Amino acid sequence: MKENKSVRDKYRFVYEIQKAKYIRSKGIEFITKAKHSKTDSIFFLFEYSEEFQKYADEWDLLKIQERMGQR
């Protein structure tokens, strides 16, 4: 039986340029870079994988640690 996955299951949008660069530096390429039609915000579209999630989580942890160190 074929599994139907939603767009949210297959892809992730990244609106932080530095986060997208970090993920790319780990060897994960984005599908496209585009501009949101209503907000004009730049975003990167990545295919979701466990590896993508690992590096996205790493980035988030690094940013939290950075903020905690600045207090």
C-alpha atoms as a PDB file:
ATOM      1  CA  MET A   1       0.000   0.000   0.000  1.00  0.00           C
ATOM      2  CA  LYS A   2       1.341   3.409  -0.979  1.00  0.00           C
ATOM      3  CA  GLU A   3       1.762   5.872   1.838  1.00  0.00           C
ATOM      4  CA  ASN A   4       0.387   9.370   1.243  1.00  0.00           C
ATOM      5  CA  LYS A   5       2.621  11.960   2.837  1.00  0.00           C
ATOM      6  CA  SER A   6       1.690  15.607   3.109  1.00  0.00           C
ATOM      7  CA  VAL A   7       3.999  18.399   2.033  1.00  0.00           C
ATOM      8  CA  ARG A   8       4.790  19.009   5.708  1.00  0.00           C
ATOM      9  CA  ASP A   9       5.953  15.405   6.045  1.00  0.00           C
ATOM     10  CA  LYS A  10       8.195  15.586   2.965  1.00  0.00           C
ATOM     11  CA  TYR A  11       9.676  19.082   3.131  1.00  0.00           C
ATOM     12  CA  ARG A  12      10.859  21.740   5.559  1.00  0.00           C
ATOM     13  CA  PHE A  13      10.990  25.482   5.067  1.00  0.00           C
ATOM     14  CA  VAL A  14      13.930  27.299   6.656  1.00  0.00           C
ATOM     15  CA  TYR A  15      13.598  31.072   6.961  1.00  0.00           C
ATOM     16  CA  GLU A  16      16.894  31.674   8.788  1.00  0.00           C
ATOM     17  CA  ILE A  17      19.685  32.188   6.253  1.00  0.00           C
ATOM     18  CA  GLN A  18      22.428  31.219   8.721  1.00  0.00           C
ATOM     19  CA  LYS A  19      20.563  28.034   9.669  1.00  0.00           C
ATOM     20  CA  ALA A  20      20.215  27.094   5.990  1.00  0.00           C
ATOM     21  CA  LYS A  21      23.943  27.749   5.481  1.00  0.00           C
ATOM     22  CA  TYR A  22      24.764  25.552   8.486  1.00  0.00           C
ATOM     23  CA  ILE A  23      22.631  22.697   7.169  1.00  0.00           C
ATOM     24  CA  ARG A  24      24.237  23.054   3.724  1.00  0.00           C
ATOM     25  CA  SER A  25      27.698  22.986   5.309  1.00  0.00           C
ATOM     26  CA  LYS A  26      26.797  19.522   6.595  1.00  0.00           C
ATOM     27  CA  GLY A  27      26.148  18.296   3.052  1.00  0.00           C
ATOM     28  CA  ILE A  28      22.385  18.727   2.844  1.00  0.00           C
ATOM     29  CA  GLU A  29      21.402  20.674  -0.264  1.00  0.00           C
ATOM     30  CA  PHE A  30      18.226  22.705  -0.455  1.00  0.00           C
ATOM     31  CA  ILE A  31      15.717  22.163  -3.241  1.00  0.00           C
ATOM     32  CA  THR A  32      15.104  25.831  -3.883  1.00  0.00           C
ATOM     33  CA  LYS A  33      15.621  29.298  -2.493  1.00  0.00           C
ATOM     34  CA  ALA A  34      12.642  31.595  -2.927  1.00  0.00           C
ATOM     35  CA  LYS A  35      10.833  34.634  -1.627  1.00  0.00           C
ATOM     36  CA  HIS A  36       7.511  34.371   0.194  1.00  0.00           C
ATOM     37  CA  SER A  37       4.884  36.077  -1.950  1.00  0.00           C
ATOM     38  CA  LYS A  38       3.201  37.946   0.926  1.00  0.00           C
ATOM     39  CA  THR A  39       6.067  38.728   3.306  1.00  0.00           C
ATOM     40  CA  ASP A  40       8.998  38.956   0.859  1.00  0.00           C
ATOM     41  CA  SER A  41      10.986  36.816   3.313  1.00  0.00           C
ATOM     42  CA  ILE A  42      13.662  34.618   1.759  1.00  0.00           C
ATOM     43  CA  PHE A  43      13.290  30.920   2.537  1.00  0.00           C
ATOM     44  CA  PHE A  44      15.008  27.668   1.649  1.00  0.00           C
ATOM     45  CA  LEU A  45      13.107  24.472   0.953  1.00  0.00           C
ATOM     46  CA  PHE A  46      14.743  21.242   2.100  1.00  0.00           C
ATOM     47  CA  GLU A  47      13.601  17.679   1.673  1.00  0.00           C
ATOM     48  CA  TYR A  48      12.908  16.254   5.114  1.00  0.00           C
ATOM     49  CA  SER A  49      15.156  13.460   6.361  1.00  0.00           C
ATOM     50  CA  GLU A  50      16.476  12.332   9.711  1.00  0.00           C
ATOM     51  CA  GLU A  51      19.842  13.776   8.720  1.00  0.00           C
ATOM     52  CA  PHE A  52      18.252  17.163   7.933  1.00  0.00           C
ATOM     53  CA  GLN A  53      16.473  17.108  11.292  1.00  0.00           C
ATOM     54  CA  LYS A  54      19.705  16.227  13.106  1.00  0.00           C
ATOM     55  CA  TYR A  55      21.480  19.303  11.731  1.00  0.00           C
ATOM     56  CA  ALA A  56      18.473  21.580  12.171  1.00  0.00           C
ATOM     57  CA  ASP A  57      18.306  20.502  15.827  1.00  0.00           C
ATOM     58  CA  GLU A  58      22.075  21.002  16.205  1.00  0.00           C
ATOM     59  CA  TRP A  59      21.713  24.565  14.913  1.00  0.00           C
ATOM     60  CA  ASP A  60      18.858  25.299  17.298  1.00  0.00           C
ATOM     61  CA  LEU A  61      20.877  23.948  20.231  1.00  0.00           C
ATOM     62  CA  LEU A  62      23.911  26.033  19.235  1.00  0.00           C
ATOM     63  CA  LYS A  63      21.767  29.175  19.127  1.00  0.00           C
ATOM     64  CA  ILE A  64      20.236  28.426  22.538  1.00  0.00           C
ATOM     65  CA  GLN A  65      23.681  27.854  24.025  1.00  0.00           C
ATOM     66  CA  GLU A  66      24.898  31.083  22.448  1.00  0.00           C
ATOM     67  CA  ARG A  67      21.997  33.051  23.977  1.00  0.00           C
ATOM     68  CA  MET A  68      22.542  31.455  27.383  1.00  0.00           C
ATOM     69  CA  GLY A  69      26.215  32.394  27.286  1.00  0.00           C
ATOM     70  CA  GLN A  70      25.380  36.025  26.549  1.00  0.00           C
ATOM     71  CA  ARG A  71      23.335  36.513  29.716  1.00  0.00           C
END
